[in-house]
Amino acid sequence: MSSSLETILSIDKIRVKAHHGWYESERKIGGFYSISVQVFSTFPSTQSFDEMDISINYEQIYETVLSVMNEEFKLIEQCCKVLFERLKQLKPSEIWQVHLIKEDVPIKHVGSTSFCIKG
């Protein structure tokens, strides 16, 4: 009987300044966002994890995140979905999760808002 390993590769808290927001002033001034990405995979228990082609290049994830965050979105939900779709192209057979946090939202006593997509 062959057993398998369920793995999670995480890239946590990529922090960038971007120009998103419902209000024009938010898009003009910009704000800080934090993005975390997880990739869920299953491998045979004999996997040695010593080859890049079975993994995902962190730099590709980082560059994809920067590229998308450089675009302008009115809603973090839309931004998160575009991040998810572009990242999923790197390894379509895996389950991806993208968590986008908007820091310092323009609502009194609210520190941040976030949106997450997994699939």
PDB file of N, CA and C in Angstrom:
ATOM      1  N   MET A   1       0.844  -1.188   0.000  1.00  0.00           N
ATOM      2  CA  MET A   1       0.000   0.000   0.000  1.00  0.00           C
ATOM      3  C   MET A   1       0.882   1.242   0.000  1.00  0.00           C
ATOM      4  N   SER A   2       0.647   2.100  -0.936  1.00  0.00           N
ATOM      5  CA  SER A   2       1.427   3.328  -1.049  1.00  0.00           C
ATOM      6  C   SER A   2       0.712   4.457  -0.324  1.00  0.00           C
ATOM      7  N   SER A   3       1.446   5.190   0.462  1.00  0.00           N
ATOM      8  CA  SER A   3       0.826   6.316   1.158  1.00  0.00           C
ATOM      9  C   SER A   3       1.213   7.626   0.473  1.00  0.00           C
ATOM     10  N   SER A   4       0.474   8.647   0.803  1.00  0.00           N
ATOM     11  CA  SER A   4       0.737   9.939   0.175  1.00  0.00           C
ATOM     12  C   SER A   4       0.923  11.011   1.237  1.00  0.00           C
ATOM     13  N   LEU A   5       1.497  12.106   0.811  1.00  0.00           N
ATOM     14  CA  LEU A   5       1.718  13.267   1.665  1.00  0.00           C
ATOM     15  C   LEU A   5       0.910  14.433   1.127  1.00  0.00           C
ATOM     16  N   GLU A   6       0.176  15.060   1.994  1.00  0.00           N
ATOM     17  CA  GLU A   6      -0.508  16.288   1.615  1.00  0.00           C
ATOM     18  C   GLU A   6       0.363  17.444   2.070  1.00  0.00           C
ATOM     19  N   THR A   7       0.664  18.337   1.152  1.00  0.00           N
ATOM     20  CA  THR A   7       1.580  19.435   1.456  1.00  0.00           C
ATOM     21  C   THR A   7       0.912  20.782   1.247  1.00  0.00           C
ATOM     22  N   ILE A   8       1.449  21.773   1.933  1.00  0.00           N
ATOM     23  CA  ILE A   8       1.012  23.159   1.750  1.00  0.00           C
ATOM     24  C   ILE A   8       2.261  24.012   1.637  1.00  0.00           C
ATOM     25  N   LEU A   9       2.415  24.655   0.509  1.00  0.00           N
ATOM     26  CA  LEU A   9       3.489  25.622   0.312  1.00  0.00           C
ATOM     27  C   LEU A   9       2.889  27.001   0.576  1.00  0.00           C
ATOM     28  N   SER A  10       3.482  27.757   1.495  1.00  0.00           N
ATOM     29  CA  SER A  10       2.956  29.079   1.842  1.00  0.00           C
ATOM     30  C   SER A  10       3.964  30.166   1.548  1.00  0.00           C
ATOM     31  N   ILE A  11       3.474  31.228   0.963  1.00  0.00           N
ATOM     32  CA  ILE A  11       4.245  32.458   0.810  1.00  0.00           C
ATOM     33  C   ILE A  11       3.408  33.493   1.540  1.00  0.00           C
ATOM     34  N   ASP A  12       3.940  33.997   2.624  1.00  0.00           N
ATOM     35  CA  ASP A  12       3.141  34.795   3.537  1.00  0.00           C
ATOM     36  C   ASP A  12       3.526  36.267   3.540  1.00  0.00           C
ATOM     37  N   LYS A  13       2.481  37.089   3.594  1.00  0.00           N
ATOM     38  CA  LYS A  13       2.584  38.520   3.845  1.00  0.00           C
ATOM     39  C   LYS A  13       3.492  39.263   2.863  1.00  0.00           C
ATOM     40  N   ILE A  14       3.216  39.080   1.573  1.00  0.00           N
ATOM     41  CA  ILE A  14       3.869  39.923   0.564  1.00  0.00           C
ATOM     42  C   ILE A  14       3.205  41.291   0.703  1.00  0.00           C
ATOM     43  N   ARG A  15       3.958  42.282   1.118  1.00  0.00           N
ATOM     44  CA  ARG A  15       3.368  43.594   1.415  1.00  0.00           C
ATOM     45  C   ARG A  15       3.710  44.568   0.289  1.00  0.00           C
ATOM     46  N   VAL A  16       2.682  45.152  -0.305  1.00  0.00           N
ATOM     47  CA  VAL A  16       2.880  46.085  -1.417  1.00  0.00           C
ATOM     48  C   VAL A  16       1.958  47.289  -1.278  1.00  0.00           C
ATOM     49  N   LYS A  17       2.389  48.386  -1.861  1.00  0.00           N
ATOM     50  CA  LYS A  17       1.516  49.554  -1.976  1.00  0.00           C
ATOM     51  C   LYS A  17       0.833  49.461  -3.335  1.00  0.00           C
ATOM     52  N   ALA A  18      -0.487  49.666  -3.329  1.00  0.00           N
ATOM     53  CA  ALA A  18      -1.249  49.571  -4.571  1.00  0.00           C
ATOM     54  C   ALA A  18      -2.352  50.617  -4.554  1.00  0.00           C
ATOM     55  N   HIS A  19      -2.954  50.818  -5.709  1.00  0.00           N
ATOM     56  CA  HIS A  19      -3.959  51.871  -5.888  1.00  0.00           C
ATOM     57  C   HIS A  19      -5.317  51.259  -6.191  1.00  0.00           C
ATOM     58  N   HIS A  20      -5.915  50.652  -5.153  1.00  0.00           N
ATOM     59  CA  HIS A  20      -7.228  50.039  -5.254  1.00  0.00           C
ATOM     60  C   HIS A  20      -8.180  50.759  -4.309  1.00  0.00           C
ATOM     61  N   GLY A  21      -9.450  50.633  -4.583  1.00  0.00           N
ATOM     62  CA  GLY A  21     -10.449  51.185  -3.673  1.00  0.00           C
ATOM     63  C   GLY A  21     -11.672  51.677  -4.411  1.00  0.00           C
ATOM     64  N   TRP A  22     -12.777  51.653  -3.719  1.00  0.00           N
ATOM     65  CA  TRP A  22     -14.032  52.094  -4.306  1.00  0.00           C
ATOM     66  C   TRP A  22     -14.006  53.587  -4.589  1.00  0.00           C
ATOM     67  N   TYR A  23     -13.390  54.333  -3.677  1.00  0.00           N
ATOM     68  CA  TYR A  23     -13.351  55.788  -3.819  1.00  0.00           C
ATOM     69  C   TYR A  23     -12.130  56.218  -4.620  1.00  0.00           C
ATOM     70  N   GLU A  24     -12.356  57.211  -5.478  1.00  0.00           N
ATOM     71  CA  GLU A  24     -11.273  57.722  -6.320  1.00  0.00           C
ATOM     72  C   GLU A  24     -10.078  58.160  -5.482  1.00  0.00           C
ATOM     73  N   SER A  25     -10.336  58.763  -4.325  1.00  0.00           N
ATOM     74  CA  SER A  25      -9.245  59.218  -3.461  1.00  0.00           C
ATOM     75  C   SER A  25      -8.376  58.042  -2.995  1.00  0.00           C
ATOM     76  N   GLU A  26      -8.981  56.873  -2.734  1.00  0.00           N
ATOM     77  CA  GLU A  26      -8.221  55.684  -2.342  1.00  0.00           C
ATOM     78  C   GLU A  26      -7.299  55.241  -3.480  1.00  0.00           C
ATOM     79  N   ARG A  27      -7.845  55.265  -4.691  1.00  0.00           N
ATOM     80  CA  ARG A  27      -7.044  54.845  -5.845  1.00  0.00           C
ATOM     81  C   ARG A  27      -5.939  55.847  -6.138  1.00  0.00           C
ATOM     82  N   LYS A  28      -6.202  57.117  -5.883  1.00  0.00           N
ATOM     83  CA  LYS A  28      -5.197  58.148  -6.146  1.00  0.00           C
ATOM     84  C   LYS A  28      -4.054  58.086  -5.122  1.00  0.00           C
ATOM     85  N   ILE A  29      -4.402  58.012  -3.848  1.00  0.00           N
ATOM     86  CA  ILE A  29      -3.399  58.007  -2.779  1.00  0.00           C
ATOM     87  C   ILE A  29      -2.710  56.645  -2.672  1.00  0.00           C
ATOM     88  N   GLY A  30      -3.471  55.578  -2.831  1.00  0.00           N
ATOM     89  CA  GLY A  30      -2.931  54.232  -2.661  1.00  0.00           C
ATOM     90  C   GLY A  30      -2.924  53.822  -1.206  1.00  0.00           C
ATOM     91  N   GLY A  31      -2.661  52.579  -0.984  1.00  0.00           N
ATOM     92  CA  GLY A  31      -2.599  52.051   0.369  1.00  0.00           C
ATOM     93  C   GLY A  31      -1.831  50.753   0.377  1.00  0.00           C
ATOM     94  N   PHE A  32      -1.625  50.215   1.567  1.00  0.00           N
ATOM     95  CA  PHE A  32      -0.850  48.984   1.691  1.00  0.00           C
ATOM     96  C   PHE A  32      -1.751  47.767   1.759  1.00  0.00           C
ATOM     97  N   TYR A  33      -1.267  46.702   1.119  1.00  0.00           N
ATOM     98  CA  TYR A  33      -1.953  45.432   1.032  1.00  0.00           C
ATOM     99  C   TYR A  33      -0.973  44.329   1.399  1.00  0.00           C
ATOM    100  N   SER A  34      -1.506  43.282   1.978  1.00  0.00           N
ATOM    101  CA  SER A  34      -0.704  42.117   2.321  1.00  0.00           C
ATOM    102  C   SER A  34      -1.340  40.903   1.659  1.00  0.00           C
ATOM    103  N   ILE A  35      -0.525  40.131   0.953  1.00  0.00           N
ATOM    104  CA  ILE A  35      -1.027  38.988   0.207  1.00  0.00           C
ATOM    105  C   ILE A  35      -0.311  37.731   0.683  1.00  0.00           C
ATOM    106  N   SER A  36      -1.095  36.708   1.005  1.00  0.00           N
ATOM    107  CA  SER A  36      -0.543  35.399   1.343  1.00  0.00           C
ATOM    108  C   SER A  36      -1.095  34.384   0.356  1.00  0.00           C
ATOM    109  N   VAL A  37      -0.229  33.471  -0.063  1.00  0.00           N
ATOM    110  CA  VAL A  37      -0.586  32.473  -1.059  1.00  0.00           C
ATOM    111  C   VAL A  37      -0.240  31.096  -0.507  1.00  0.00           C
ATOM    112  N   GLN A  38      -1.164  30.160  -0.662  1.00  0.00           N
ATOM    113  CA  GLN A  38      -0.909  28.779  -0.284  1.00  0.00           C
ATOM    114  C   GLN A  38      -1.220  27.887  -1.472  1.00  0.00           C
ATOM    115  N   VAL A  39      -0.369  26.867  -1.653  1.00  0.00           N
ATOM    116  CA  VAL A  39      -0.567  25.888  -2.711  1.00  0.00           C
ATOM    117  C   VAL A  39      -0.659  24.508  -2.053  1.00  0.00           C
ATOM    118  N   PHE A  40      -1.794  23.842  -2.255  1.00  0.00           N
ATOM    119  CA  PHE A  40      -2.055  22.538  -1.653  1.00  0.00           C
ATOM    120  C   PHE A  40      -1.779  21.453  -2.689  1.00  0.00           C
ATOM    121  N   SER A  41      -0.954  20.477  -2.327  1.00  0.00           N
ATOM    122  CA  SER A  41      -0.582  19.415  -3.255  1.00  0.00           C
ATOM    123  C   SER A  41      -0.593  18.072  -2.544  1.00  0.00           C
ATOM    124  N   THR A  42      -0.620  17.001  -3.331  1.00  0.00           N
ATOM    125  CA  THR A  42      -0.489  15.644  -2.811  1.00  0.00           C
ATOM    126  C   THR A  42       0.633  14.952  -3.574  1.00  0.00           C
ATOM    127  N   PHE A  43       1.516  14.305  -2.814  1.00  0.00           N
ATOM    128  CA  PHE A  43       2.668  13.617  -3.393  1.00  0.00           C
ATOM    129  C   PHE A  43       2.771  12.214  -2.801  1.00  0.00           C
ATOM    130  N   PRO A  44       3.417  11.317  -3.533  1.00  0.00           N
ATOM    131  CA  PRO A  44       3.707  10.012  -2.933  1.00  0.00           C
ATOM    132  C   PRO A  44       4.649  10.203  -1.738  1.00  0.00           C
ATOM    133  N   SER A  45       4.527   9.350  -0.739  1.00  0.00           N
ATOM    134  CA  SER A  45       5.385   9.487   0.451  1.00  0.00           C
ATOM    135  C   SER A  45       6.856   9.298   0.126  1.00  0.00           C
ATOM    136  N   THR A  46       7.157   8.760  -1.036  1.00  0.00           N
ATOM    137  CA  THR A  46       8.553   8.565  -1.449  1.00  0.00           C
ATOM    138  C   THR A  46       9.172   9.816  -2.080  1.00  0.00           C
ATOM    139  N   GLN A  47       8.368  10.860  -2.251  1.00  0.00           N
ATOM    140  CA  GLN A  47       8.862  12.087  -2.888  1.00  0.00           C
ATOM    141  C   GLN A  47      10.034  12.660  -2.089  1.00  0.00           C
ATOM    142  N   SER A  48      11.106  13.024  -2.786  1.00  0.00           N
ATOM    143  CA  SER A  48      12.296  13.544  -2.103  1.00  0.00           C
ATOM    144  C   SER A  48      12.326  15.072  -2.020  1.00  0.00           C
ATOM    145  N   PHE A  49      11.486  15.738  -2.781  1.00  0.00           N
ATOM    146  CA  PHE A  49      11.408  17.204  -2.777  1.00  0.00           C
ATOM    147  C   PHE A  49      12.757  17.858  -3.097  1.00  0.00           C
ATOM    148  N   ASP A  50      13.470  17.314  -4.052  1.00  0.00           N
ATOM    149  CA  ASP A  50      14.782  17.855  -4.393  1.00  0.00           C
ATOM    150  C   ASP A  50      14.861  18.381  -5.826  1.00  0.00           C
ATOM    151  N   GLU A  51      13.715  18.561  -6.469  1.00  0.00           N
ATOM    152  CA  GLU A  51      13.687  19.058  -7.846  1.00  0.00           C
ATOM    153  C   GLU A  51      12.706  20.222  -7.961  1.00  0.00           C
ATOM    154  N   MET A  52      13.120  21.285  -8.638  1.00  0.00           N
ATOM    155  CA  MET A  52      12.270  22.471  -8.779  1.00  0.00           C
ATOM    156  C   MET A  52      11.009  22.180  -9.583  1.00  0.00           C
ATOM    157  N   ASP A  53      11.075  21.255 -10.541  1.00  0.00           N
ATOM    158  CA  ASP A  53       9.907  21.027 -11.394  1.00  0.00           C
ATOM    159  C   ASP A  53       8.719  20.412 -10.653  1.00  0.00           C
ATOM    160  N   ILE A  54       8.924  19.848  -9.477  1.00  0.00           N
ATOM    161  CA  ILE A  54       7.788  19.350  -8.693  1.00  0.00           C
ATOM    162  C   ILE A  54       7.268  20.405  -7.735  1.00  0.00           C
ATOM    163  N   SER A  55       8.041  21.445  -7.556  1.00  0.00           N
ATOM    164  CA  SER A  55       7.643  22.523  -6.659  1.00  0.00           C
ATOM    165  C   SER A  55       7.188  23.721  -7.484  1.00  0.00           C
ATOM    166  N   ILE A  56       7.074  24.850  -6.815  1.00  0.00           N
ATOM    167  CA  ILE A  56       6.697  26.094  -7.482  1.00  0.00           C
ATOM    168  C   ILE A  56       7.739  27.137  -7.118  1.00  0.00           C
ATOM    169  N   ASN A  57       8.203  27.834  -8.114  1.00  0.00           N
ATOM    170  CA  ASN A  57       9.228  28.853  -7.904  1.00  0.00           C
ATOM    171  C   ASN A  57       8.613  30.050  -7.169  1.00  0.00           C
ATOM    172  N   TYR A  58       9.124  30.326  -5.975  1.00  0.00           N
ATOM    173  CA  TYR A  58       8.601  31.436  -5.167  1.00  0.00           C
ATOM    174  C   TYR A  58       8.695  32.761  -5.913  1.00  0.00           C
ATOM    175  N   GLU A  59       9.752  32.916  -6.683  1.00  0.00           N
ATOM    176  CA  GLU A  59       9.952  34.168  -7.417  1.00  0.00           C
ATOM    177  C   GLU A  59       8.836  34.384  -8.440  1.00  0.00           C
ATOM    178  N   GLN A  60       8.369  33.313  -9.073  1.00  0.00           N
ATOM    179  CA  GLN A  60       7.262  33.432 -10.028  1.00  0.00           C
ATOM    180  C   GLN A  60       5.988  33.888  -9.314  1.00  0.00           C
ATOM    181  N   ILE A  61       5.757  33.358  -8.130  1.00  0.00           N
ATOM    182  CA  ILE A  61       4.592  33.774  -7.354  1.00  0.00           C
ATOM    183  C   ILE A  61       4.711  35.251  -7.006  1.00  0.00           C
ATOM    184  N   TYR A  62       5.865  35.642  -6.501  1.00  0.00           N
ATOM    185  CA  TYR A  62       6.109  37.033  -6.108  1.00  0.00           C
ATOM    186  C   TYR A  62       5.924  37.979  -7.295  1.00  0.00           C
ATOM    187  N   GLU A  63       6.512  37.661  -8.426  1.00  0.00           N
ATOM    188  CA  GLU A  63       6.411  38.507  -9.616  1.00  0.00           C
ATOM    189  C   GLU A  63       4.966  38.598 -10.110  1.00  0.00           C
ATOM    190  N   THR A  64       4.231  37.508 -10.048  1.00  0.00           N
ATOM    191  CA  THR A  64       2.828  37.515 -10.457  1.00  0.00           C
ATOM    192  C   THR A  64       2.018  38.416  -9.539  1.00  0.00           C
ATOM    193  N   VAL A  65       2.254  38.309  -8.229  1.00  0.00           N
ATOM    194  CA  VAL A  65       1.550  39.159  -7.270  1.00  0.00           C
ATOM    195  C   VAL A  65       1.846  40.629  -7.544  1.00  0.00           C
ATOM    196  N   LEU A  66       3.121  40.976  -7.741  1.00  0.00           N
ATOM    197  CA  LEU A  66       3.482  42.377  -8.014  1.00  0.00           C
ATOM    198  C   LEU A  66       2.827  42.882  -9.288  1.00  0.00           C
ATOM    199  N   SER A  67       2.803  42.059 -10.314  1.00  0.00           N
ATOM    200  CA  SER A  67       2.207  42.451 -11.595  1.00  0.00           C
ATOM    201  C   SER A  67       0.715  42.762 -11.440  1.00  0.00           C
ATOM    202  N   VAL A  68      -0.014  41.890 -10.770  1.00  0.00           N
ATOM    203  CA  VAL A  68      -1.453  42.104 -10.587  1.00  0.00           C
ATOM    204  C   VAL A  68      -1.704  43.309  -9.685  1.00  0.00           C
ATOM    205  N   MET A  69      -0.949  43.425  -8.614  1.00  0.00           N
ATOM    206  CA  MET A  69      -1.164  44.527  -7.677  1.00  0.00           C
ATOM    207  C   MET A  69      -0.832  45.879  -8.302  1.00  0.00           C
ATOM    208  N   ASN A  70      -0.103  45.881  -9.381  1.00  0.00           N
ATOM    209  CA  ASN A  70       0.233  47.103 -10.105  1.00  0.00           C
ATOM    210  C   ASN A  70      -0.952  47.608 -10.934  1.00  0.00           C
ATOM    211  N   GLU A  71      -1.941  46.740 -11.144  1.00  0.00           N
ATOM    212  CA  GLU A  71      -3.165  47.133 -11.843  1.00  0.00           C
ATOM    213  C   GLU A  71      -4.068  47.869 -10.848  1.00  0.00           C
ATOM    214  N   GLU A  72      -5.124  48.471 -11.336  1.00  0.00           N
ATOM    215  CA  GLU A  72      -6.046  49.215 -10.463  1.00  0.00           C
ATOM    216  C   GLU A  72      -7.394  48.509 -10.410  1.00  0.00           C
ATOM    217  N   PHE A  73      -7.890  48.286  -9.178  1.00  0.00           N
ATOM    218  CA  PHE A  73      -9.173  47.637  -8.965  1.00  0.00           C
ATOM    219  C   PHE A  73     -10.002  48.461  -7.993  1.00  0.00           C
ATOM    220  N   LYS A  74     -11.324  48.442  -8.178  1.00  0.00           N
ATOM    221  CA  LYS A  74     -12.210  49.152  -7.256  1.00  0.00           C
ATOM    222  C   LYS A  74     -12.527  48.316  -6.027  1.00  0.00           C
ATOM    223  N   LEU A  75     -12.549  46.992  -6.166  1.00  0.00           N
ATOM    224  CA  LEU A  75     -12.898  46.113  -5.049  1.00  0.00           C
ATOM    225  C   LEU A  75     -11.791  45.090  -4.806  1.00  0.00           C
ATOM    226  N   ILE A  76     -11.526  44.787  -3.534  1.00  0.00           N
ATOM    227  CA  ILE A  76     -10.500  43.780  -3.241  1.00  0.00           C
ATOM    228  C   ILE A  76     -10.947  42.398  -3.707  1.00  0.00           C
ATOM    229  N   GLU A  77     -12.253  42.163  -3.784  1.00  0.00           N
ATOM    230  CA  GLU A  77     -12.746  40.883  -4.276  1.00  0.00           C
ATOM    231  C   GLU A  77     -12.301  40.655  -5.719  1.00  0.00           C
ATOM    232  N   GLN A  78     -12.420  41.691  -6.537  1.00  0.00           N
ATOM    233  CA  GLN A  78     -12.011  41.599  -7.940  1.00  0.00           C
ATOM    234  C   GLN A  78     -10.506  41.401  -8.039  1.00  0.00           C
ATOM    235  N   CYS A  79      -9.750  42.148  -7.263  1.00  0.00           N
ATOM    236  CA  CYS A  79      -8.296  42.030  -7.260  1.00  0.00           C
ATOM    237  C   CYS A  79      -7.876  40.621  -6.842  1.00  0.00           C
ATOM    238  N   CYS A  80      -8.492  40.106  -5.801  1.00  0.00           N
ATOM    239  CA  CYS A  80      -8.164  38.776  -5.302  1.00  0.00           C
ATOM    240  C   CYS A  80      -8.472  37.701  -6.348  1.00  0.00           C
ATOM    241  N   LYS A  81      -9.574  37.859  -7.056  1.00  0.00           N
ATOM    242  CA  LYS A  81      -9.939  36.877  -8.085  1.00  0.00           C
ATOM    243  C   LYS A  81      -8.930  36.892  -9.235  1.00  0.00           C
ATOM    244  N   VAL A  82      -8.484  38.069  -9.634  1.00  0.00           N
ATOM    245  CA  VAL A  82      -7.481  38.157 -10.696  1.00  0.00           C
ATOM    246  C   VAL A  82      -6.160  37.549 -10.208  1.00  0.00           C
ATOM    247  N   LEU A  83      -5.772  37.837  -8.977  1.00  0.00           N
ATOM    248  CA  LEU A  83      -4.567  37.210  -8.400  1.00  0.00           C
ATOM    249  C   LEU A  83      -4.686  35.697  -8.462  1.00  0.00           C
ATOM    250  N   PHE A  84      -5.814  35.175  -7.985  1.00  0.00           N
ATOM    251  CA  PHE A  84      -6.053  33.738  -7.978  1.00  0.00           C
ATOM    252  C   PHE A  84      -5.944  33.143  -9.386  1.00  0.00           C
ATOM    253  N   GLU A  85      -6.609  33.755 -10.351  1.00  0.00           N
ATOM    254  CA  GLU A  85      -6.612  33.232 -11.727  1.00  0.00           C
ATOM    255  C   GLU A  85      -5.216  33.227 -12.337  1.00  0.00           C
ATOM    256  N   ARG A  86      -4.454  34.284 -12.111  1.00  0.00           N
ATOM    257  CA  ARG A  86      -3.099  34.357 -12.688  1.00  0.00           C
ATOM    258  C   ARG A  86      -2.139  33.381 -11.996  1.00  0.00           C
ATOM    259  N   LEU A  87      -2.257  33.267 -10.682  1.00  0.00           N
ATOM    260  CA  LEU A  87      -1.395  32.342  -9.954  1.00  0.00           C
ATOM    261  C   LEU A  87      -1.727  30.895 -10.307  1.00  0.00           C
ATOM    262  N   LYS A  88      -2.992  30.586 -10.450  1.00  0.00           N
ATOM    263  CA  LYS A  88      -3.425  29.222 -10.780  1.00  0.00           C
ATOM    264  C   LYS A  88      -2.817  28.760 -12.103  1.00  0.00           C
ATOM    265  N   GLN A  89      -2.525  29.693 -13.002  1.00  0.00           N
ATOM    266  CA  GLN A  89      -1.905  29.354 -14.285  1.00  0.00           C
ATOM    267  C   GLN A  89      -0.499  28.770 -14.102  1.00  0.00           C
ATOM    268  N   LEU A  90       0.158  29.083 -12.986  1.00  0.00           N
ATOM    269  CA  LEU A  90       1.510  28.573 -12.746  1.00  0.00           C
ATOM    270  C   LEU A  90       1.513  27.054 -12.560  1.00  0.00           C
ATOM    271  N   LYS A  91       0.469  26.530 -11.941  1.00  0.00           N
ATOM    272  CA  LYS A  91       0.335  25.083 -11.735  1.00  0.00           C
ATOM    273  C   LYS A  91      -1.150  24.770 -11.585  1.00  0.00           C
ATOM    274  N   PRO A  92      -1.851  24.643 -12.710  1.00  0.00           N
ATOM    275  CA  PRO A  92      -3.316  24.510 -12.696  1.00  0.00           C
ATOM    276  C   PRO A  92      -3.847  23.286 -11.956  1.00  0.00           C
ATOM    277  N   SER A  93      -3.064  22.235 -11.851  1.00  0.00           N
ATOM    278  CA  SER A  93      -3.562  21.006 -11.224  1.00  0.00           C
ATOM    279  C   SER A  93      -3.616  21.090  -9.700  1.00  0.00           C
ATOM    280  N   GLU A  94      -3.020  22.107  -9.112  1.00  0.00           N
ATOM    281  CA  GLU A  94      -2.977  22.228  -7.659  1.00  0.00           C
ATOM    282  C   GLU A  94      -4.133  23.092  -7.142  1.00  0.00           C
ATOM    283  N   ILE A  95      -4.411  22.965  -5.854  1.00  0.00           N
ATOM    284  CA  ILE A  95      -5.390  23.815  -5.181  1.00  0.00           C
ATOM    285  C   ILE A  95      -4.630  25.043  -4.678  1.00  0.00           C
ATOM    286  N   TRP A  96      -5.126  26.211  -5.037  1.00  0.00           N
ATOM    287  CA  TRP A  96      -4.501  27.474  -4.629  1.00  0.00           C
ATOM    288  C   TRP A  96      -5.431  28.226  -3.681  1.00  0.00           C
ATOM    289  N   GLN A  97      -4.819  28.940  -2.754  1.00  0.00           N
ATOM    290  CA  GLN A  97      -5.575  29.844  -1.886  1.00  0.00           C
ATOM    291  C   GLN A  97      -4.855  31.185  -1.861  1.00  0.00           C
ATOM    292  N   VAL A  98      -5.612  32.235  -2.093  1.00  0.00           N
ATOM    293  CA  VAL A  98      -5.065  33.594  -2.078  1.00  0.00           C
ATOM    294  C   VAL A  98      -5.837  34.391  -1.038  1.00  0.00           C
ATOM    295  N   HIS A  99      -5.099  35.025  -0.140  1.00  0.00           N
ATOM    296  CA  HIS A  99      -5.704  35.833   0.919  1.00  0.00           C
ATOM    297  C   HIS A  99      -5.162  37.257   0.768  1.00  0.00           C
ATOM    298  N   LEU A 100      -6.043  38.193   0.482  1.00  0.00           N
ATOM    299  CA  LEU A 100      -5.672  39.590   0.255  1.00  0.00           C
ATOM    300  C   LEU A 100      -6.207  40.436   1.403  1.00  0.00           C
ATOM    301  N   ILE A 101      -5.328  41.177   2.044  1.00  0.00           N
ATOM    302  CA  ILE A 101      -5.709  42.055   3.154  1.00  0.00           C
ATOM    303  C   ILE A 101      -5.462  43.497   2.742  1.00  0.00           C
ATOM    304  N   LYS A 102      -6.483  44.315   2.900  1.00  0.00           N
ATOM    305  CA  LYS A 102      -6.348  45.751   2.686  1.00  0.00           C
ATOM    306  C   LYS A 102      -6.167  46.396   4.051  1.00  0.00           C
ATOM    307  N   GLU A 103      -5.002  47.000   4.255  1.00  0.00           N
ATOM    308  CA  GLU A 103      -4.684  47.633   5.536  1.00  0.00           C
ATOM    309  C   GLU A 103      -5.265  49.049   5.574  1.00  0.00           C
ATOM    310  N   ASP A 104      -5.536  49.534   6.760  1.00  0.00           N
ATOM    311  CA  ASP A 104      -5.970  50.915   6.976  1.00  0.00           C
ATOM    312  C   ASP A 104      -7.106  51.348   6.060  1.00  0.00           C
ATOM    313  N   VAL A 105      -8.230  50.660   6.161  1.00  0.00           N
ATOM    314  CA  VAL A 105      -9.390  51.010   5.343  1.00  0.00           C
ATOM    315  C   VAL A 105      -9.996  52.330   5.830  1.00  0.00           C
ATOM    316  N   PRO A 106     -10.710  53.039   4.945  1.00  0.00           N
ATOM    317  CA  PRO A 106     -11.254  54.349   5.327  1.00  0.00           C
ATOM    318  C   PRO A 106     -12.560  54.267   6.120  1.00  0.00           C
ATOM    319  N   ILE A 107     -12.586  53.396   7.116  1.00  0.00           N
ATOM    320  CA  ILE A 107     -13.745  53.267   7.993  1.00  0.00           C
ATOM    321  C   ILE A 107     -13.238  53.373   9.427  1.00  0.00           C
ATOM    322  N   LYS A 108     -13.818  54.274  10.169  1.00  0.00           N
ATOM    323  CA  LYS A 108     -13.386  54.513  11.547  1.00  0.00           C
ATOM    324  C   LYS A 108     -13.423  53.223  12.368  1.00  0.00           C
ATOM    325  N   HIS A 109     -12.358  52.950  13.093  1.00  0.00           N
ATOM    326  CA  HIS A 109     -12.211  51.818  13.997  1.00  0.00           C
ATOM    327  C   HIS A 109     -12.114  50.464  13.291  1.00  0.00           C
ATOM    328  N   VAL A 110     -11.872  50.461  11.986  1.00  0.00           N
ATOM    329  CA  VAL A 110     -11.653  49.206  11.253  1.00  0.00           C
ATOM    330  C   VAL A 110     -10.208  49.197  10.791  1.00  0.00           C
ATOM    331  N   GLY A 111      -9.447  48.236  11.269  1.00  0.00           N
ATOM    332  CA  GLY A 111      -8.019  48.173  10.950  1.00  0.00           C
ATOM    333  C   GLY A 111      -7.717  47.639   9.575  1.00  0.00           C
ATOM    334  N   SER A 112      -8.523  46.667   9.102  1.00  0.00           N
ATOM    335  CA  SER A 112      -8.267  46.092   7.783  1.00  0.00           C
ATOM    336  C   SER A 112      -9.508  45.339   7.332  1.00  0.00           C
ATOM    337  N   THR A 113      -9.525  45.028   6.041  1.00  0.00           N
ATOM    338  CA  THR A 113     -10.523  44.139   5.474  1.00  0.00           C
ATOM    339  C   THR A 113      -9.771  43.079   4.678  1.00  0.00           C
ATOM    340  N   SER A 114     -10.403  41.952   4.429  1.00  0.00           N
ATOM    341  CA  SER A 114      -9.712  40.907   3.655  1.00  0.00           C
ATOM    342  C   SER A 114     -10.702  40.094   2.858  1.00  0.00           C
ATOM    343  N   PHE A 115     -10.150  39.400   1.875  1.00  0.00           N
ATOM    344  CA  PHE A 115     -10.932  38.502   1.025  1.00  0.00           C
ATOM    345  C   PHE A 115     -10.036  37.329   0.678  1.00  0.00           C
ATOM    346  N   CYS A 116     -10.634  36.137   0.603  1.00  0.00           N
ATOM    347  CA  CYS A 116      -9.866  34.930   0.358  1.00  0.00           C
ATOM    348  C   CYS A 116     -10.576  34.063  -0.680  1.00  0.00           C
ATOM    349  N   ILE A 117      -9.802  33.476  -1.589  1.00  0.00           N
ATOM    350  CA  ILE A 117     -10.349  32.554  -2.597  1.00  0.00           C
ATOM    351  C   ILE A 117      -9.507  31.284  -2.553  1.00  0.00           C
ATOM    352  N   LYS A 118     -10.179  30.130  -2.625  1.00  0.00           N
ATOM    353  CA  LYS A 118      -9.481  28.849  -2.652  1.00  0.00           C
ATOM    354  C   LYS A 118     -10.149  27.963  -3.696  1.00  0.00           C
ATOM    355  N   GLY A 119      -9.321  27.311  -4.484  1.00  0.00           N
ATOM    356  CA  GLY A 119      -9.878  26.379  -5.471  1.00  0.00           C
ATOM    357  C   GLY A 119      -8.830  25.798  -6.368  1.00  0.00           C
TER     358      GLY A 119
END
